[in-house]
Amino acid sequence: MHTVTSAEAQNRFGEVLDRAQREPVAITRHGRPVAYLVGALQAEDPQLLAQRRAEAAQWYAEYCRSIAPGANAEAAQRLTDADVNALVHELR
């Protein structure tokens, strides 16, 4: 991750924007990170991940209902993030 001071970010904003398209940029003030600048595609990733997790949980609930209607409905509600991540990975 590239790091710039807040003064550098102001003075070289276009350059910092270009850099953020390739990798996250940490902006510091008095040596401490105060902001991170990321490209549009990187910012959308968390939203896409949340959507894929919801789709995987729904798929799993439907799958459980198709195997044994009503028997595994509670199991679908208790899915952990790790379970959902594994399901999303399998759906790719």
C-alpha atoms as a PDB file:
ATOM      1  CA  MET A   1       0.000   0.000   0.000  1.00  0.00           C
ATOM      2  CA  HIS A   2       1.292   3.403  -0.964  1.00  0.00           C
ATOM      3  CA  THR A   3       1.306   6.152   1.698  1.00  0.00           C
ATOM      4  CA  VAL A   4       1.205   9.924   1.224  1.00  0.00           C
ATOM      5  CA  THR A   5       0.814  12.838   3.603  1.00  0.00           C
ATOM      6  CA  SER A   6      -2.337  14.943   3.470  1.00  0.00           C
ATOM      7  CA  ALA A   7      -0.296  17.832   2.028  1.00  0.00           C
ATOM      8  CA  GLU A   8       1.074  15.575  -0.730  1.00  0.00           C
ATOM      9  CA  ALA A   9      -2.438  14.313  -1.465  1.00  0.00           C
ATOM     10  CA  GLN A  10      -3.666  17.898  -1.900  1.00  0.00           C
ATOM     11  CA  ASN A  11      -0.749  18.972  -4.044  1.00  0.00           C
ATOM     12  CA  ARG A  12      -0.665  15.858  -6.236  1.00  0.00           C
ATOM     13  CA  PHE A  13      -4.328  14.832  -6.191  1.00  0.00           C
ATOM     14  CA  GLY A  14      -4.461  13.648  -9.811  1.00  0.00           C
ATOM     15  CA  GLU A  15      -1.390  11.499  -9.325  1.00  0.00           C
ATOM     16  CA  VAL A  16      -2.795  10.055  -6.095  1.00  0.00           C
ATOM     17  CA  LEU A  17      -6.089   9.255  -7.876  1.00  0.00           C
ATOM     18  CA  ASP A  18      -4.206   7.421 -10.616  1.00  0.00           C
ATOM     19  CA  ARG A  19      -2.254   5.476  -8.016  1.00  0.00           C
ATOM     20  CA  ALA A  20      -5.476   4.542  -6.172  1.00  0.00           C
ATOM     21  CA  GLN A  21      -6.731   2.808  -9.330  1.00  0.00           C
ATOM     22  CA  ARG A  22      -3.845   0.366  -9.013  1.00  0.00           C
ATOM     23  CA  GLU A  23      -3.560  -0.015  -5.232  1.00  0.00           C
ATOM     24  CA  PRO A  24      -5.032   1.504  -2.051  1.00  0.00           C
ATOM     25  CA  VAL A  25      -3.380   4.731  -0.918  1.00  0.00           C
ATOM     26  CA  ALA A  26      -3.108   5.599   2.784  1.00  0.00           C
ATOM     27  CA  ILE A  27      -3.289   9.316   3.548  1.00  0.00           C
ATOM     28  CA  THR A  28      -1.561  10.347   6.756  1.00  0.00           C
ATOM     29  CA  ARG A  29      -1.614  13.385   8.989  1.00  0.00           C
ATOM     30  CA  HIS A  30       1.113  13.789  11.611  1.00  0.00           C
ATOM     31  CA  GLY A  31       2.340  10.295  10.780  1.00  0.00           C
ATOM     32  CA  ARG A  32      -1.015   8.570  11.416  1.00  0.00           C
ATOM     33  CA  PRO A  33      -3.346   7.175   8.759  1.00  0.00           C
ATOM     34  CA  VAL A  34      -6.501   9.305   8.556  1.00  0.00           C
ATOM     35  CA  ALA A  35      -8.005   8.055   5.285  1.00  0.00           C
ATOM     36  CA  TYR A  36      -7.633   5.452   2.575  1.00  0.00           C
ATOM     37  CA  LEU A  37      -8.259   6.137  -1.088  1.00  0.00           C
ATOM     38  CA  VAL A  38      -9.284   3.139  -3.185  1.00  0.00           C
ATOM     39  CA  GLY A  39     -10.384   2.752  -6.769  1.00  0.00           C
ATOM     40  CA  ALA A  40     -14.046   2.341  -7.691  1.00  0.00           C
ATOM     41  CA  LEU A  41     -13.724  -1.376  -8.417  1.00  0.00           C
ATOM     42  CA  GLN A  42     -12.115  -2.031  -5.045  1.00  0.00           C
ATOM     43  CA  ALA A  43     -14.844  -0.078  -3.275  1.00  0.00           C
ATOM     44  CA  GLU A  44     -17.537  -2.195  -4.950  1.00  0.00           C
ATOM     45  CA  ASP A  45     -15.966  -5.499  -3.848  1.00  0.00           C
ATOM     46  CA  PRO A  46     -17.457  -5.471  -0.311  1.00  0.00           C
ATOM     47  CA  GLN A  47     -20.915  -4.837  -1.751  1.00  0.00           C
ATOM     48  CA  LEU A  48     -20.510  -7.670  -4.256  1.00  0.00           C
ATOM     49  CA  LEU A  49     -19.233  -9.973  -1.521  1.00  0.00           C
ATOM     50  CA  ALA A  50     -22.237  -9.223   0.683  1.00  0.00           C
ATOM     51  CA  GLN A  51     -24.563  -9.901  -2.232  1.00  0.00           C
ATOM     52  CA  ARG A  52     -22.829 -13.206  -3.031  1.00  0.00           C
ATOM     53  CA  ARG A  53     -23.024 -14.237   0.630  1.00  0.00           C
ATOM     54  CA  ALA A  54     -26.753 -13.544   0.687  1.00  0.00           C
ATOM     55  CA  GLU A  55     -27.221 -15.530  -2.524  1.00  0.00           C
ATOM     56  CA  ALA A  56     -25.204 -18.444  -1.115  1.00  0.00           C
ATOM     57  CA  ALA A  57     -27.224 -18.466   2.112  1.00  0.00           C
ATOM     58  CA  GLN A  58     -30.466 -18.422   0.122  1.00  0.00           C
ATOM     59  CA  TRP A  59     -29.223 -21.228  -2.136  1.00  0.00           C
ATOM     60  CA  TYR A  60     -28.248 -23.304   0.900  1.00  0.00           C
ATOM     61  CA  ALA A  61     -31.638 -22.766   2.548  1.00  0.00           C
ATOM     62  CA  GLU A  62     -33.416 -23.842  -0.646  1.00  0.00           C
ATOM     63  CA  TYR A  63     -31.128 -26.832  -0.979  1.00  0.00           C
ATOM     64  CA  CYS A  64     -31.843 -27.894   2.592  1.00  0.00           C
ATOM     65  CA  ARG A  65     -35.590 -27.539   2.010  1.00  0.00           C
ATOM     66  CA  SER A  66     -35.359 -29.674  -1.126  1.00  0.00           C
ATOM     67  CA  ILE A  67     -33.579 -32.478   0.731  1.00  0.00           C
ATOM     68  CA  ALA A  68     -35.728 -32.557   3.839  1.00  0.00           C
ATOM     69  CA  PRO A  69     -38.430 -29.905   3.900  1.00  0.00           C
ATOM     70  CA  GLY A  70     -38.327 -28.041   7.219  1.00  0.00           C
ATOM     71  CA  ALA A  71     -35.646 -30.244   8.782  1.00  0.00           C
ATOM     72  CA  ASN A  72     -32.655 -27.988   8.040  1.00  0.00           C
ATOM     73  CA  ALA A  73     -34.251 -24.559   8.085  1.00  0.00           C
ATOM     74  CA  GLU A  74     -32.555 -23.802  11.407  1.00  0.00           C
ATOM     75  CA  ALA A  75     -29.174 -24.873  10.031  1.00  0.00           C
ATOM     76  CA  ALA A  76     -29.471 -22.296   7.246  1.00  0.00           C
ATOM     77  CA  GLN A  77     -30.023 -19.577   9.844  1.00  0.00           C
ATOM     78  CA  ARG A  78     -26.896 -20.590  11.796  1.00  0.00           C
ATOM     79  CA  LEU A  79     -24.467 -20.309   8.884  1.00  0.00           C
ATOM     80  CA  THR A  80     -21.197 -18.665   9.862  1.00  0.00           C
ATOM     81  CA  ASP A  81     -19.188 -16.350   7.615  1.00  0.00           C
ATOM     82  CA  ALA A  82     -16.763 -19.209   6.992  1.00  0.00           C
ATOM     83  CA  ASP A  83     -19.624 -21.473   5.872  1.00  0.00           C
ATOM     84  CA  VAL A  84     -20.992 -18.822   3.548  1.00  0.00           C
ATOM     85  CA  ASN A  85     -17.531 -18.056   2.157  1.00  0.00           C
ATOM     86  CA  ALA A  86     -17.080 -21.761   1.369  1.00  0.00           C
ATOM     87  CA  LEU A  87     -20.449 -21.852  -0.383  1.00  0.00           C
ATOM     88  CA  VAL A  88     -19.656 -18.724  -2.396  1.00  0.00           C
ATOM     89  CA  HIS A  89     -16.345 -20.254  -3.402  1.00  0.00           C
ATOM     90  CA  GLU A  90     -18.128 -23.407  -4.597  1.00  0.00           C
ATOM     91  CA  LEU A  91     -20.628 -21.340  -6.615  1.00  0.00           C
ATOM     92  CA  ARG A  92     -17.835 -19.643  -8.595  1.00  0.00           C
END
